Amino acid sequence: MALLSAWLVGLVFFIQGVTVPSVAQLDSVGLALLARGKLREAEVEFRRAVAADPRDVDALNNLGVILRRRGRPAEAVEFLRRATEVQPQDAETHSNLGLALREAGRLNEAVKELGIAIALAPLNAAIHRNLGVVLAQAGNDSQAESELRKSVDLEPRNPQSHQELARLLARGKRTDQAEKEFLAALSIADQPSLHYELGELYENNRQLELAARQFRSAIRLGPKNARYVQALGHVSLAEDKLGEAEKELYRATQLNPMAGEAHRDLGEVFQRKGEFARARGEFGRAVELMPSDSRSHYMLARVLAKLGKPDEAAGELKQAQNISKALNNEGTKLLEEGKAEEAIERFEEALQLDPGDTRAQYNLGVAYFLQNRHARAADQLRTYLQSVPDDPDACYYLGLALLGIGRPGEAAEALAKAVALHPDDAPAHNAYGIALAQEKEFTRAAREFETARRLQPEISKYRENLACVEHQLSGCRFTP
C-alpha cells in the first residue's frame, strides 16, 4: 500500500509539471502563424483557444477570418456571428462578418452588418470600401458609388479604394471617370493589375493602342502572368498585327496551357493566315477547355468547313446555336431580376454568334432601353423590326426609346403602329398620347389618353396626362 501511495504522489507531481498553454498564449501563437501565412496551423491554435474559452472574441474573430480566407465562408459566419454577440460594439468584427456573408452569397445580410460597422466606425475607409463593393455586387450602384467615394475621401492615398471606384464606373460605362480613378490608383501604386484593368477599359472603348500600352506595362511588372500576355495578344489580333499576336498568344499558352481564350485567339490568328490545320488544333483545344464558349464552337465549325469536313462542321455549329439559346435564356432571367447590364452582355454575346437571332435583337433592345441607353435601344429595335415588322411590343419600346432621345414625330409613328396591332394596350395608348402632345396635336393626344384611362381606370397617371393636355397646361410633364 505504501508503494501505491508513493506512486500516486509521483503521478500527481508529474501531472502538475505539465504546462497547459493559456488562452492568451494560444491566441499569440495563432496570430504569429497567421502573420506568416500558415492558415491551417493558425486555425488549429484558434480552435484550441475557442475550445478553452468559447467567449474569446479575438480567437472567434481570427478563426472566422481564417475560414473565410480558406474558402469556407459558411463556417466563418458561425464564428464571426458569435464574436459580434460577445462584443457587439466592435466595428472590425461586424465588418469581417459582412465580408463572410458576402462570400456566402447572403448579400442583404452582408449590407446590414457592414452598415452596423460603419455606424460604429464612420471614419473607417476600409469599411466604407467593403460596403461599396457589396452594394455594387447587389446591384445598388448609386449607393455603392457613394460609399466608395467616402472611402476615397477618407483615405485618398489608398489605391484599392480608387480601383474599386474605377471598376464601378467602368461597369456603368462612365469611361472618363473610370480612367481618372485608375490613373489615380496608379499614381499611388504601380501595380500590374491596375495596368491590366485600365487596358481592359481602353480595349472596351476601342482605344487599342492605349490598351496595348497598359498591357505591356502589366507584363513588365508581372511577366509570368498568362492573362496579361493573352490580353496583349488579343489586342494585337484586333489591330490585325498577326505576327505580334501569334508571338504573345503562343507565349500565353506556354505560361498557362489551360488558358482557353488564348488557344481560341491563337486559332483565329492561324485562320486569318490560312493555316487551317493549325487553326483546327487550337480551336479544338479551346472547345475542350471552354465547352460552353459559343465562339470557339463557331470558329471550329468554320475551319472544319474549310477543311472539307461538313458533317463535323454541322455538329459544332449546332452546339454553338444551342449555346446561343442558353445565353438568351440566361439574359432574359437576368433582365427579369433587374440585372440589365449583365443581361446586355449575354445578349451581345448571342448576337456575336448569330447576328440574325431576332429574339436576342429584341431582348437587347429592351435591355438598352431599361438602362436609359435610348439611342442604342432604338437602333437595335429597328433592326429587329426589319425581320419581325408586326411585333406590337417592339413598336412600343421603339416609341419610348425615340421619345427618350427627343424625336416625338418618329415615336408617334412607331406607337401608332403599336396601338393598331394591339388596340387594348393602355400603356401604348398613353405613350402615343405623349408623342402627339409633344407634336402639339392636343386633340388626338387627349383621345389616346382617354382610351388609356378607359382601359385601365385605376392608373392615375393616365387621368393626370389627360387633364394636362385638355387644359393645355404649360410645364406639363407627361408620364409614360
Protein backbone atom coordinates (compact mmCIF):
# COMPACT_ATOMS: atom_id res chain seq x y z
CA MET A 1 0.00 0.00 0.00
CA ALA A 2 2.91 2.32 0.79
CA LEU A 3 4.34 1.69 -2.64
CA LEU A 4 0.96 2.54 -4.26
CA SER A 5 0.70 5.79 -2.29
CA ALA A 6 4.17 6.78 -3.34
CA TRP A 7 3.30 6.04 -6.99
CA LEU A 8 0.15 8.21 -6.74
CA VAL A 9 2.13 11.06 -5.25
CA GLY A 10 4.62 10.78 -8.11
CA LEU A 11 1.79 10.82 -10.66
CA VAL A 12 0.33 13.98 -9.13
CA PHE A 13 3.70 15.72 -9.29
CA PHE A 14 4.13 14.57 -12.92
CA ILE A 15 0.74 15.97 -13.93
CA GLN A 16 1.42 19.21 -12.09
CA GLY A 17 4.63 19.54 -14.08
CA VAL A 18 2.81 19.58 -17.44
CA THR A 19 2.45 23.16 -18.79
CA VAL A 20 -1.02 23.83 -20.24
CA PRO A 21 -0.93 26.90 -22.53
CA SER A 22 -3.26 29.74 -21.62
CA VAL A 23 -5.87 31.14 -23.99
CA ALA A 24 -3.69 34.23 -24.41
CA GLN A 25 -0.74 32.06 -25.38
CA LEU A 26 -2.84 30.13 -27.90
CA ASP A 27 -4.04 33.42 -29.40
CA SER A 28 -0.46 34.68 -29.59
CA VAL A 29 0.76 31.54 -31.35
CA GLY A 30 -2.21 31.68 -33.74
CA LEU A 31 -1.51 35.31 -34.63
CA ALA A 32 2.15 34.54 -35.30
CA LEU A 33 1.19 31.69 -37.62
CA LEU A 34 -1.42 33.88 -39.32
CA ALA A 35 1.17 36.60 -39.92
CA ARG A 36 3.41 34.01 -41.62
CA GLY A 37 0.56 32.86 -43.86
CA LYS A 38 0.26 29.44 -42.21
CA LEU A 39 -3.52 29.41 -42.19
CA ARG A 40 -4.08 25.72 -41.48
CA GLU A 41 -1.78 25.72 -38.44
CA ALA A 42 -3.24 29.02 -37.19
CA GLU A 43 -6.75 27.57 -37.47
CA VAL A 44 -5.74 24.71 -35.15
CA GLU A 45 -4.46 27.13 -32.48
CA PHE A 46 -7.52 29.38 -32.60
CA ARG A 47 -9.83 26.36 -32.39
CA ARG A 48 -7.96 25.30 -29.25
CA ALA A 49 -8.41 28.81 -27.84
CA VAL A 50 -12.15 28.79 -28.57
CA ALA A 51 -12.49 25.34 -27.00
CA ALA A 52 -10.76 26.65 -23.87
CA ASP A 53 -12.80 29.87 -23.79
CA PRO A 54 -15.92 29.97 -26.02
CA ARG A 55 -16.18 33.73 -25.41
CA ASP A 56 -12.64 34.58 -26.54
CA VAL A 57 -13.62 37.26 -29.05
CA ASP A 58 -10.14 37.54 -30.58
CA ALA A 59 -9.98 33.81 -31.27
CA LEU A 60 -13.54 33.77 -32.65
CA ASN A 61 -12.80 36.71 -34.95
CA ASN A 62 -9.44 35.40 -36.15
CA LEU A 63 -10.83 31.91 -36.70
CA GLY A 64 -13.63 33.42 -38.81
CA VAL A 65 -11.14 35.43 -40.87
CA ILE A 66 -9.02 32.33 -41.50
CA LEU A 67 -12.02 30.21 -42.52
CA ARG A 68 -13.13 32.92 -44.96
CA ARG A 69 -9.64 33.12 -46.45
CA ARG A 70 -9.58 29.33 -46.77
CA GLY A 71 -12.79 29.40 -48.83
CA ARG A 72 -15.20 28.26 -46.10
CA PRO A 73 -17.42 31.33 -45.63
CA ALA A 74 -20.41 29.47 -44.13
CA GLU A 75 -18.22 28.22 -41.25
CA ALA A 76 -16.68 31.67 -40.94
CA VAL A 77 -20.12 33.23 -40.47
CA GLU A 78 -20.79 30.93 -37.49
CA PHE A 79 -17.71 32.04 -35.54
CA LEU A 80 -17.89 35.71 -36.55
CA ARG A 81 -21.54 35.84 -35.52
CA ARG A 82 -20.54 34.55 -32.10
CA ALA A 83 -17.82 37.20 -31.92
CA THR A 84 -20.31 40.01 -32.59
CA GLU A 85 -22.61 38.63 -29.89
CA VAL A 86 -19.76 38.67 -27.36
CA GLN A 87 -18.56 42.13 -28.40
CA PRO A 88 -21.39 43.91 -30.29
CA GLN A 89 -19.61 47.29 -30.32
CA ASP A 90 -16.57 46.11 -32.32
CA ALA A 91 -16.72 47.54 -35.85
CA GLU A 92 -14.00 45.31 -37.29
CA THR A 93 -15.79 42.13 -36.24
CA HIS A 94 -19.05 43.29 -37.84
CA SER A 95 -17.08 44.17 -40.99
CA ASN A 96 -15.46 40.72 -41.08
CA LEU A 97 -18.88 39.12 -40.64
CA GLY A 98 -20.20 41.23 -43.52
CA LEU A 99 -17.40 40.03 -45.80
CA ALA A 100 -18.02 36.40 -44.86
CA LEU A 101 -21.76 36.80 -45.53
CA ARG A 102 -20.93 38.31 -48.91
CA GLU A 103 -18.78 35.34 -49.86
CA ALA A 104 -21.54 33.01 -48.64
CA GLY A 105 -23.90 34.72 -51.12
CA ARG A 106 -26.01 36.39 -48.41
CA LEU A 107 -25.73 39.94 -49.75
CA ASN A 108 -28.61 41.57 -47.87
CA GLU A 109 -27.27 40.35 -44.54
CA ALA A 110 -23.78 41.48 -45.57
CA VAL A 111 -25.05 45.00 -46.26
CA LYS A 112 -26.73 45.06 -42.83
CA GLU A 113 -23.57 44.00 -40.96
CA LEU A 114 -21.36 46.45 -42.82
CA GLY A 115 -23.91 49.18 -42.08
CA ILE A 116 -23.58 48.37 -38.37
CA ALA A 117 -19.80 48.50 -38.71
CA ILE A 118 -19.94 51.95 -40.31
CA ALA A 119 -22.27 53.24 -37.60
CA LEU A 120 -19.64 52.14 -35.06
CA ALA A 121 -16.67 53.47 -37.06
CA PRO A 122 -17.90 56.13 -39.51
CA LEU A 123 -14.36 57.27 -40.38
CA ASN A 124 -13.06 53.82 -41.32
CA ALA A 125 -12.26 53.99 -45.05
CA ALA A 126 -11.87 50.21 -45.43
CA ILE A 127 -15.37 49.53 -44.13
CA HIS A 128 -16.89 52.12 -46.47
CA ARG A 129 -14.98 50.45 -49.32
CA ASN A 130 -16.19 46.99 -48.33
CA LEU A 131 -19.79 48.19 -48.14
CA GLY A 132 -19.44 49.83 -51.54
CA VAL A 133 -18.19 46.58 -53.07
CA VAL A 134 -21.07 44.57 -51.57
CA LEU A 135 -23.67 47.14 -52.67
CA ALA A 136 -22.26 47.02 -56.20
CA GLN A 137 -22.47 43.24 -56.18
CA ALA A 138 -26.09 43.54 -55.04
CA GLY A 139 -26.82 45.86 -57.99
CA ASN A 140 -27.23 49.05 -55.95
CA ASP A 141 -24.73 51.10 -57.95
CA SER A 142 -25.84 54.52 -56.69
CA GLN A 143 -25.28 53.73 -53.01
CA ALA A 144 -22.16 51.77 -53.89
CA GLU A 145 -20.65 54.83 -55.56
CA SER A 146 -21.49 56.96 -52.53
CA GLU A 147 -19.69 54.56 -50.17
CA LEU A 148 -16.67 54.19 -52.43
CA ARG A 149 -16.32 57.96 -52.78
CA LYS A 150 -16.46 58.27 -48.98
CA SER A 151 -13.66 55.71 -48.80
CA VAL A 152 -11.58 57.73 -51.26
CA ASP A 153 -12.25 60.97 -49.38
CA LEU A 154 -11.27 59.41 -46.05
CA GLU A 155 -8.13 57.73 -47.41
CA PRO A 156 -7.15 59.39 -50.71
CA ARG A 157 -3.78 57.60 -50.85
CA ASN A 158 -5.30 54.11 -50.80
CA PRO A 159 -5.06 52.60 -54.31
CA GLN A 160 -7.64 49.89 -53.58
CA SER A 161 -10.40 52.45 -52.97
CA HIS A 162 -9.64 54.20 -56.27
CA GLN A 163 -9.54 50.82 -58.02
CA GLU A 164 -12.93 49.68 -56.68
CA LEU A 165 -14.50 53.01 -57.63
CA ALA A 166 -12.95 52.74 -61.10
CA ARG A 167 -14.40 49.26 -61.54
CA LEU A 168 -17.88 50.51 -60.64
CA LEU A 169 -17.63 53.48 -63.01
CA ALA A 170 -16.32 51.27 -65.81
CA ARG A 171 -19.25 48.90 -65.36
CA GLY A 172 -21.59 51.86 -65.70
CA LYS A 173 -19.88 52.90 -68.97
CA ARG A 174 -18.59 56.11 -67.35
CA THR A 175 -15.28 55.71 -69.10
CA ASP A 176 -13.67 59.10 -68.47
CA GLN A 177 -14.35 58.98 -64.74
CA ALA A 178 -13.18 55.36 -64.52
CA GLU A 179 -9.95 56.26 -66.33
CA LYS A 180 -9.35 59.08 -63.85
CA GLU A 181 -9.69 56.71 -60.89
CA PHE A 182 -7.45 54.03 -62.42
CA LEU A 183 -4.79 56.67 -63.09
CA ALA A 184 -5.15 57.96 -59.52
CA ALA A 185 -4.58 54.43 -58.22
CA LEU A 186 -1.54 54.00 -60.47
CA SER A 187 -0.05 57.27 -59.25
CA ILE A 188 -0.06 55.74 -55.77
CA ALA A 189 0.93 52.15 -56.58
CA ASP A 190 2.40 50.89 -59.86
CA GLN A 191 0.61 47.53 -59.74
CA PRO A 192 0.20 45.16 -62.72
CA SER A 193 -3.49 44.53 -62.02
CA LEU A 194 -4.20 48.26 -62.30
CA HIS A 195 -2.46 48.47 -65.67
CA TYR A 196 -4.38 45.40 -66.82
CA GLU A 197 -7.79 46.75 -65.80
CA LEU A 198 -7.06 50.16 -67.34
CA GLY A 199 -6.05 48.32 -70.51
CA GLU A 200 -9.39 46.49 -70.48
CA LEU A 201 -11.18 49.83 -70.15
CA TYR A 202 -9.34 51.19 -73.19
CA GLU A 203 -9.94 48.00 -75.16
CA ASN A 204 -13.68 48.06 -74.45
CA ASN A 205 -13.75 51.57 -75.88
CA ARG A 206 -11.73 50.57 -78.97
CA GLN A 207 -8.69 52.58 -77.86
CA LEU A 208 -6.46 49.69 -78.86
CA GLU A 209 -3.09 51.46 -78.88
CA LEU A 210 -3.64 52.75 -75.35
CA ALA A 211 -4.83 49.30 -74.28
CA ALA A 212 -1.70 47.64 -75.68
CA ARG A 213 0.48 50.13 -73.81
CA GLN A 214 -1.18 49.27 -70.49
CA PHE A 215 -1.00 45.53 -71.12
CA ARG A 216 2.74 45.86 -71.83
CA SER A 217 3.15 47.69 -68.52
CA ALA A 218 1.26 44.90 -66.75
CA ILE A 219 3.57 42.32 -68.37
CA ARG A 220 6.64 44.32 -67.36
CA LEU A 221 5.55 44.05 -63.73
CA GLY A 222 4.12 40.53 -63.98
CA PRO A 223 5.93 38.74 -66.82
CA LYS A 224 4.70 35.27 -65.87
CA ASN A 225 1.01 36.19 -65.84
CA ALA A 226 -0.64 34.44 -68.80
CA ARG A 227 -3.74 36.63 -68.58
CA TYR A 228 -1.72 39.80 -69.19
CA VAL A 229 0.13 38.23 -72.12
CA GLN A 230 -3.11 36.89 -73.64
CA ALA A 231 -4.68 40.36 -73.37
CA LEU A 232 -1.81 41.90 -75.35
CA GLY A 233 -2.12 39.15 -77.95
CA HIS A 234 -5.86 39.73 -78.22
CA VAL A 235 -5.38 43.46 -78.84
CA SER A 236 -2.69 42.74 -81.42
CA LEU A 237 -5.15 40.42 -83.16
CA ALA A 238 -7.79 43.17 -83.13
CA GLU A 239 -5.22 45.51 -84.73
CA ASP A 240 -4.51 42.79 -87.32
CA LYS A 241 -0.88 42.56 -86.20
CA LEU A 242 -0.80 38.82 -86.76
CA GLY A 243 2.92 38.30 -86.15
CA GLU A 244 2.89 40.02 -82.78
CA ALA A 245 -0.43 38.39 -81.88
CA GLU A 246 0.91 34.90 -82.65
CA LYS A 247 4.02 35.50 -80.56
CA GLU A 248 2.14 36.74 -77.50
CA LEU A 249 -0.68 34.20 -77.69
CA TYR A 250 1.73 31.30 -78.08
CA ARG A 251 3.61 32.58 -75.01
CA ALA A 252 0.31 32.77 -73.10
CA THR A 253 -0.47 29.12 -73.91
CA GLN A 254 3.01 28.15 -72.70
CA LEU A 255 2.59 30.06 -69.45
CA ASN A 256 -0.85 28.53 -68.91
CA PRO A 257 -1.77 25.58 -71.17
CA MET A 258 -5.30 25.70 -69.70
CA ALA A 259 -5.95 29.25 -70.98
CA GLY A 260 -8.83 28.55 -73.35
CA GLU A 261 -9.18 32.12 -74.62
CA ALA A 262 -5.51 32.20 -75.61
CA HIS A 263 -5.93 28.98 -77.63
CA ARG A 264 -9.06 30.40 -79.29
CA ASP A 265 -7.34 33.66 -80.24
CA LEU A 266 -4.29 31.78 -81.50
CA GLY A 267 -6.61 29.67 -83.64
CA GLU A 268 -8.04 32.85 -85.13
CA VAL A 269 -4.51 34.03 -85.97
CA PHE A 270 -3.86 30.80 -87.87
CA GLN A 271 -7.26 31.01 -89.57
CA ARG A 272 -6.54 34.51 -90.86
CA LYS A 273 -3.16 33.31 -92.12
CA GLY A 274 -4.85 30.46 -93.99
CA GLU A 275 -3.22 27.78 -91.80
CA PHE A 276 -6.46 25.89 -91.25
CA ALA A 277 -5.00 22.66 -89.85
CA ARG A 278 -3.17 24.57 -87.10
CA ALA A 279 -6.29 26.66 -86.51
CA ARG A 280 -8.33 23.49 -86.08
CA GLY A 281 -5.92 22.27 -83.40
CA GLU A 282 -6.16 25.49 -81.40
CA PHE A 283 -9.95 25.79 -81.72
CA GLY A 284 -10.28 22.13 -80.75
CA ARG A 285 -8.23 22.78 -77.63
CA ALA A 286 -10.34 25.86 -76.85
CA VAL A 287 -13.54 23.79 -77.11
CA GLU A 288 -12.08 21.19 -74.74
CA LEU A 289 -11.18 23.85 -72.20
CA MET A 290 -14.30 26.00 -72.66
CA PRO A 291 -17.13 23.66 -73.74
CA SER A 292 -19.73 26.39 -73.16
CA ASP A 293 -17.93 29.02 -75.24
CA SER A 294 -20.11 29.58 -78.30
CA ARG A 295 -17.44 31.47 -80.24
CA SER A 296 -14.97 28.57 -80.02
CA HIS A 297 -17.54 26.13 -81.42
CA TYR A 298 -18.49 28.58 -84.16
CA MET A 299 -14.88 29.22 -85.21
CA LEU A 300 -14.12 25.49 -85.17
CA ALA A 301 -17.16 24.89 -87.39
CA ARG A 302 -15.88 27.43 -89.94
CA VAL A 303 -12.43 25.86 -90.05
CA LEU A 304 -13.83 22.34 -90.38
CA ALA A 305 -15.90 23.52 -93.34
CA LYS A 306 -12.74 24.96 -94.92
CA LEU A 307 -11.01 21.60 -94.41
CA GLY A 308 -13.83 19.78 -96.23
CA LYS A 309 -15.44 18.19 -93.16
CA PRO A 310 -19.09 19.30 -93.46
CA ASP A 311 -20.56 16.77 -91.01
CA GLU A 312 -18.17 17.72 -88.21
CA ALA A 313 -18.73 21.39 -89.02
CA ALA A 314 -22.51 20.95 -88.74
CA GLY A 315 -22.11 19.33 -85.32
CA GLU A 316 -20.03 22.20 -83.98
CA LEU A 317 -22.41 24.77 -85.44
CA LYS A 318 -25.34 23.03 -83.75
CA GLN A 319 -23.55 23.22 -80.40
CA ALA A 320 -22.86 26.91 -80.98
CA GLN A 321 -26.55 27.54 -81.70
CA ASN A 322 -27.58 25.68 -78.55
CA ILE A 323 -25.21 27.82 -76.52
CA SER A 324 -26.67 30.94 -78.14
CA LYS A 325 -30.15 29.89 -77.00
CA ALA A 326 -28.81 29.30 -73.50
CA LEU A 327 -27.25 32.78 -73.49
CA ASN A 328 -30.59 34.24 -74.50
CA ASN A 329 -32.37 32.38 -71.72
CA GLU A 330 -29.78 33.47 -69.18
CA GLY A 331 -30.02 37.07 -70.36
CA THR A 332 -33.81 37.00 -70.07
CA LYS A 333 -33.57 35.71 -66.50
CA LEU A 334 -31.07 38.43 -65.60
CA LEU A 335 -33.37 41.04 -67.13
CA GLU A 336 -36.26 39.78 -65.01
CA GLU A 337 -34.03 40.08 -61.93
CA GLY A 338 -33.27 43.70 -62.78
CA LYS A 339 -29.66 42.99 -63.79
CA ALA A 340 -29.85 44.76 -67.14
CA GLU A 341 -26.11 45.32 -67.59
CA GLU A 342 -25.31 41.63 -67.15
CA ALA A 343 -28.23 40.74 -69.43
CA ILE A 344 -26.85 43.03 -72.13
CA GLU A 345 -23.55 41.12 -72.05
CA ARG A 346 -25.37 37.81 -72.64
CA PHE A 347 -27.49 39.17 -75.50
CA GLU A 348 -24.49 40.79 -77.17
CA GLU A 349 -22.59 37.51 -76.94
CA ALA A 350 -25.53 35.66 -78.50
CA LEU A 351 -25.62 38.17 -81.37
CA GLN A 352 -21.88 37.87 -81.95
CA LEU A 353 -22.52 34.22 -82.63
CA ASP A 354 -25.67 34.73 -84.70
CA PRO A 355 -26.30 38.34 -85.80
CA GLY A 356 -29.67 37.28 -87.22
CA ASP A 357 -31.02 35.98 -83.90
CA THR A 358 -34.22 38.02 -83.72
CA ARG A 359 -35.01 37.05 -80.15
CA ALA A 360 -31.62 38.35 -79.00
CA GLN A 361 -32.11 41.53 -81.07
CA TYR A 362 -35.41 42.28 -79.33
CA ASN A 363 -34.16 41.42 -75.86
CA LEU A 364 -31.04 43.54 -76.33
CA GLY A 365 -33.14 46.50 -77.45
CA VAL A 366 -35.34 46.24 -74.36
CA ALA A 367 -32.29 45.88 -72.10
CA TYR A 368 -30.72 49.00 -73.60
CA PHE A 369 -33.98 50.86 -73.02
CA LEU A 370 -34.11 49.79 -69.38
CA GLN A 371 -30.58 51.16 -68.99
CA ASN A 372 -31.72 54.50 -70.48
CA ARG A 373 -29.45 53.96 -73.47
CA HIS A 374 -32.23 55.12 -75.75
CA ALA A 375 -30.29 55.69 -78.97
CA ARG A 376 -28.83 52.18 -78.91
CA ALA A 377 -32.23 50.76 -77.97
CA ALA A 378 -33.84 52.46 -80.96
CA ASP A 379 -31.17 51.16 -83.35
CA GLN A 380 -31.47 47.61 -82.03
CA LEU A 381 -35.28 47.56 -82.11
CA ARG A 382 -35.33 48.92 -85.66
CA THR A 383 -33.00 46.10 -86.68
CA TYR A 384 -35.37 43.61 -85.06
CA LEU A 385 -38.46 45.15 -86.69
CA GLN A 386 -36.92 44.71 -90.14
CA SER A 387 -37.31 40.96 -89.60
CA VAL A 388 -40.44 40.99 -87.42
CA PRO A 389 -42.33 44.13 -88.51
CA ASP A 390 -45.63 43.36 -86.76
CA ASP A 391 -44.47 42.96 -83.17
CA PRO A 392 -46.52 45.47 -81.11
CA ASP A 393 -44.22 45.27 -78.09
CA ALA A 394 -41.18 46.15 -80.19
CA CYS A 395 -43.07 49.10 -81.72
CA TYR A 396 -43.99 50.25 -78.21
CA TYR A 397 -40.43 50.11 -76.87
CA LEU A 398 -39.13 51.75 -80.05
CA GLY A 399 -41.59 54.59 -79.49
CA LEU A 400 -40.47 55.04 -75.89
CA ALA A 401 -36.81 55.00 -76.93
CA LEU A 402 -37.44 57.65 -79.57
CA LEU A 403 -39.26 59.80 -77.01
CA GLY A 404 -36.19 59.41 -74.81
CA ILE A 405 -33.94 60.97 -77.46
CA GLY A 406 -36.34 63.78 -78.30
CA ARG A 407 -37.81 62.51 -81.57
CA PRO A 408 -41.59 62.60 -80.90
CA GLY A 409 -42.60 62.55 -84.57
CA GLU A 410 -40.85 59.23 -85.23
CA ALA A 411 -42.07 57.97 -81.85
CA ALA A 412 -45.65 58.73 -82.84
CA GLU A 413 -45.27 56.62 -86.00
CA ALA A 414 -43.99 53.62 -84.03
CA LEU A 415 -46.63 53.98 -81.33
CA ALA A 416 -49.45 54.40 -83.85
CA LYS A 417 -48.45 51.00 -85.22
CA ALA A 418 -48.27 49.55 -81.70
CA VAL A 419 -51.85 50.55 -80.85
CA ALA A 420 -53.09 49.41 -84.27
CA LEU A 421 -51.57 45.97 -83.68
CA HIS A 422 -52.72 45.80 -80.05
CA PRO A 423 -55.72 48.12 -79.50
CA ASP A 424 -56.20 47.13 -75.84
CA ASP A 425 -52.69 48.11 -74.73
CA ALA A 426 -53.23 51.03 -72.34
CA PRO A 427 -49.51 51.89 -71.86
CA ALA A 428 -49.09 52.09 -75.65
CA HIS A 429 -52.07 54.47 -76.00
CA ASN A 430 -50.64 56.60 -73.18
CA ALA A 431 -47.19 56.75 -74.80
CA TYR A 432 -48.79 57.57 -78.16
CA GLY A 433 -50.66 60.40 -76.46
CA ILE A 434 -47.40 61.80 -75.10
CA ALA A 435 -45.77 61.73 -78.54
CA LEU A 436 -48.77 63.51 -80.07
CA ALA A 437 -48.83 66.11 -77.28
CA GLN A 438 -45.15 66.85 -77.87
CA GLU A 439 -46.04 67.37 -81.53
CA LYS A 440 -48.77 69.85 -80.40
CA GLU A 441 -51.57 67.57 -81.63
CA PHE A 442 -53.56 68.00 -78.43
CA THR A 443 -56.94 66.76 -79.63
CA ARG A 444 -55.52 63.45 -80.83
CA ALA A 445 -53.37 63.21 -77.71
CA ALA A 446 -56.44 63.63 -75.49
CA ARG A 447 -58.17 60.82 -77.39
CA GLU A 448 -55.27 58.46 -76.69
CA PHE A 449 -55.07 59.38 -73.01
CA GLU A 450 -58.83 58.86 -72.71
CA THR A 451 -58.50 55.41 -74.30
CA ALA A 452 -55.71 54.50 -71.88
CA ARG A 453 -57.82 55.74 -68.92
CA ARG A 454 -60.84 53.73 -70.09
CA LEU A 455 -58.77 50.55 -70.47
CA GLN A 456 -57.09 50.92 -67.06
CA PRO A 457 -59.09 53.37 -64.93
CA GLU A 458 -57.09 52.51 -61.80
CA ILE A 459 -53.89 54.05 -63.25
CA SER A 460 -53.79 57.68 -62.05
CA LYS A 461 -51.10 58.89 -64.48
CA TYR A 462 -53.46 58.41 -67.43
CA ARG A 463 -56.01 60.76 -65.81
CA GLU A 464 -53.27 63.26 -64.98
CA ASN A 465 -51.92 63.23 -68.54
CA LEU A 466 -55.45 63.68 -69.91
CA ALA A 467 -56.17 66.64 -67.62
CA CYS A 468 -52.90 68.25 -68.56
CA VAL A 469 -53.47 68.03 -72.30
CA GLU A 470 -57.16 69.03 -72.09
CA HIS A 471 -56.21 72.25 -70.34
CA GLN A 472 -53.00 72.64 -72.38
CA LEU A 473 -51.18 73.47 -69.17
CA SER A 474 -47.70 74.90 -69.51
CA GLY A 475 -44.89 72.95 -67.92
CA CYS A 476 -46.73 69.63 -68.06
CA ARG A 477 -44.53 66.60 -67.51
CA PHE A 478 -46.25 63.66 -69.11
CA THR A 479 -45.62 60.27 -67.50
CA PRO A 480 -45.14 57.29 -69.87
